[in-house]
Protein backbone atom coordinates (compact mmCIF):
# COMPACT_ATOMS: atom_id res chain seq x y z
CA MET A 1 26.05 25.34 7.27
CA PRO A 2 28.62 23.80 4.90
CA GLN A 3 27.39 20.74 3.00
CA SER A 4 30.14 18.59 4.57
CA ASP A 5 28.56 19.24 7.99
CA VAL A 6 25.25 17.64 6.99
CA ASP A 7 26.71 14.66 5.11
CA GLY A 8 28.07 11.54 6.71
CA PRO A 9 26.81 8.95 9.17
CA ASP A 10 24.24 11.14 10.93
CA ARG A 11 22.60 12.12 7.68
CA SER A 12 22.61 8.52 6.49
CA ALA A 13 21.07 7.37 9.77
CA GLY A 14 18.43 10.09 9.54
CA GLU A 15 17.57 9.09 5.98
CA ARG A 16 17.36 5.40 6.93
CA PHE A 17 15.08 6.26 9.87
CA ARG A 18 12.81 8.33 7.61
CA ARG A 19 12.55 5.54 5.02
CA TRP A 20 12.02 2.90 7.73
CA SER A 21 9.26 5.00 9.37
CA GLU A 22 7.51 5.58 6.03
CA ARG A 23 7.71 1.91 5.05
CA HIS A 24 6.35 0.68 8.39
CA ALA A 25 3.90 3.51 9.16
CA ASP A 26 0.90 1.16 9.02
CA ASP A 27 2.39 -2.08 10.32
CA GLU A 28 4.63 -3.43 12.99
CA PRO A 29 7.89 -4.56 11.42
CA LEU A 30 9.31 -7.95 12.20
CA LEU A 31 12.78 -7.95 13.77
CA PRO A 32 15.39 -10.69 14.09
CA VAL A 33 15.02 -11.88 17.67
CA PRO A 34 17.04 -14.71 19.26
CA GLY A 35 14.75 -17.39 20.67
CA TRP A 36 17.52 -18.22 23.14
CA TRP A 37 19.57 -15.64 25.04
CA PRO A 38 22.08 -16.29 27.83
CA TRP A 39 20.22 -14.07 30.35
CA PRO A 40 16.66 -12.72 30.72
CA LEU A 41 15.76 -9.87 28.40
CA GLN A 42 13.59 -6.88 29.36
CA GLU A 43 13.11 -5.45 25.88
CA VAL A 44 13.76 -6.12 22.21
CA SER A 45 13.40 -3.05 20.02
CA HIS A 46 14.27 -1.53 16.67
CA ARG A 47 17.49 0.52 16.74
CA ASP A 48 18.16 1.19 13.06
CA GLY A 49 17.20 -0.17 9.68
CA ASP A 50 17.28 0.38 5.94
CA PRO A 51 14.20 -1.02 4.19
CA ASP A 52 15.94 -0.61 0.81
CA THR A 53 18.87 -2.91 1.64
CA GLY A 54 17.34 -5.10 4.37
CA MET A 55 19.77 -3.89 7.04
CA VAL A 56 18.26 -4.00 10.49
CA ALA A 57 19.73 -3.41 13.98
CA VAL A 58 17.94 -4.55 17.13
CA ASP A 59 18.53 -3.54 20.75
CA LEU A 60 18.55 -6.47 23.20
CA LEU A 61 18.15 -4.97 26.68
CA PRO A 62 18.60 -7.20 29.76
CA GLN A 63 16.27 -7.32 32.77
CA HIS A 64 19.17 -6.70 35.12
CA ASP A 65 21.53 -4.27 33.35
CA ARG A 66 23.86 -3.98 36.33
CA VAL A 67 24.60 -7.67 36.05
CA ASN A 68 24.09 -8.55 32.37
CA PRO A 69 25.18 -6.41 29.43
CA GLU A 70 23.01 -4.96 26.73
CA ALA A 71 23.57 -6.05 23.13
CA VAL A 72 22.83 -5.03 19.56
CA LEU A 73 22.12 -7.57 16.83
CA VAL A 74 22.66 -6.35 13.24
CA ARG A 75 21.85 -8.00 9.91
CA GLN A 76 23.13 -6.27 6.78
CA PRO A 77 24.20 -7.11 3.23
CA ARG A 78 27.75 -8.52 3.24
CA GLU A 79 29.01 -5.91 0.81
CA GLU A 80 27.94 -2.94 2.97
CA ALA A 81 30.34 -1.04 5.23
CA PRO A 82 30.12 -2.38 8.79
CA PHE A 83 27.32 -0.99 10.94
CA ASP A 84 28.57 1.80 13.21
CA TYR A 85 26.93 1.49 16.63
CA GLY A 86 28.58 4.60 18.09
CA TRP A 87 31.98 4.42 19.78
CA PRO A 88 34.05 1.73 18.04
CA GLY A 89 36.13 -0.36 20.40
CA ALA A 90 34.94 1.63 23.39
CA ALA A 91 31.80 1.92 25.45
CA TRP A 92 28.32 2.56 23.97
CA HIS A 93 28.37 6.17 25.16
CA PRO A 94 31.15 8.53 26.26
CA GLU A 95 29.85 8.49 29.84
CA ASP A 96 30.01 4.66 30.09
CA ASP A 97 32.72 2.83 31.95
CA PRO A 98 35.67 2.60 29.48
CA GLU A 99 36.57 -0.78 30.97
CA LEU A 100 33.37 -2.23 29.46
CA VAL A 101 34.44 -2.25 25.85
CA VAL A 102 32.02 -3.34 23.11
CA ARG A 103 32.91 -6.61 21.38
CA ALA A 104 31.70 -7.45 17.87
CA GLN A 105 31.14 -11.08 16.91
CA GLN A 106 30.32 -11.72 13.23
CA TRP A 107 29.08 -14.52 11.02
CA ASP A 108 27.83 -14.78 7.44
CA ASP A 109 24.59 -16.38 6.31
CA GLY A 110 24.17 -16.36 2.53
CA PRO A 111 24.09 -12.74 1.35
CA TRP A 112 23.89 -11.42 4.92
CA ARG A 113 26.52 -10.49 7.48
CA TRP A 114 25.36 -10.68 11.10
CA THR A 115 27.12 -8.79 13.86
CA LEU A 116 26.40 -9.13 17.55
CA PHE A 117 27.73 -6.24 19.65
CA VAL A 118 27.99 -7.07 23.36
CA ARG A 119 29.39 -4.84 26.08
CA GLY A 120 32.06 -6.54 28.17
CA ALA A 121 33.30 -10.06 27.50
CA PRO A 122 32.43 -11.72 24.16
CA LEU A 123 29.92 -14.55 24.31
CA PRO A 124 31.32 -18.09 24.30
CA ALA A 125 31.21 -19.91 20.95
CA GLU A 126 28.44 -22.30 22.10
CA ALA A 127 26.23 -19.40 23.22
CA LEU A 128 26.78 -17.63 19.88
CA ARG A 129 25.81 -20.84 18.02
CA ARG A 130 22.60 -21.14 20.06
CA ILE A 131 21.70 -17.53 19.29
CA GLN A 132 22.35 -18.05 15.57
CA ASP A 133 20.23 -21.22 15.51
CA THR A 134 17.23 -19.64 17.22
CA ILE A 135 16.81 -16.29 15.43
CA GLU A 136 13.18 -15.72 14.50
CA TRP A 137 11.45 -12.70 12.89
CA ARG A 138 9.05 -11.29 15.48
CA PRO A 139 7.64 -7.92 16.55
CA ALA A 140 9.44 -5.77 19.11
CA TRP A 141 8.43 -6.37 22.74
CA VAL A 142 8.83 -5.06 26.28
CA LEU A 143 8.18 -6.94 29.53
C-alpha cells in the first residue's frame, strides 16, 4: 500500500485513539459535559481526543433522537486545524437525511477553541451561552 494511503486524517485519528487509550487505560477520563442542555440526553461519551494537546470531542446523544438532534462538543487548542467530524456541511453519515445539515457554533476561551456541532438548526444564542456557562469535567455516562 502506498504511504499516501495510510497518512492523513484516518491515521491521525487512529494515533490519537491509541494515545488516548494508553493514557487512560487505568482511569476514567473526565470529559467536558454541559450541565444544562436544551433537551434530555441519553448518553455522553468520548468520541475523540488527543492527550498530548488536550483536544477532546464528546458525543451528546438525545433521549429521543427522532425529535431532538445529536451533537458533538469539541475543545481543542486554538492554533490547531478545525476538528473534522466527518462530512463537512452535510449530514453526520452519508446515509443521513441531507436536509439535516450539521451546524458548527464556535467560541474561544483562553487558549482553547470550542466547537459545538449540532444536526439541523443551530442553537439560539441564549442556549449556547447557557451551555458555555455550565460545562463541567465529568465522566462519561449513559441512562
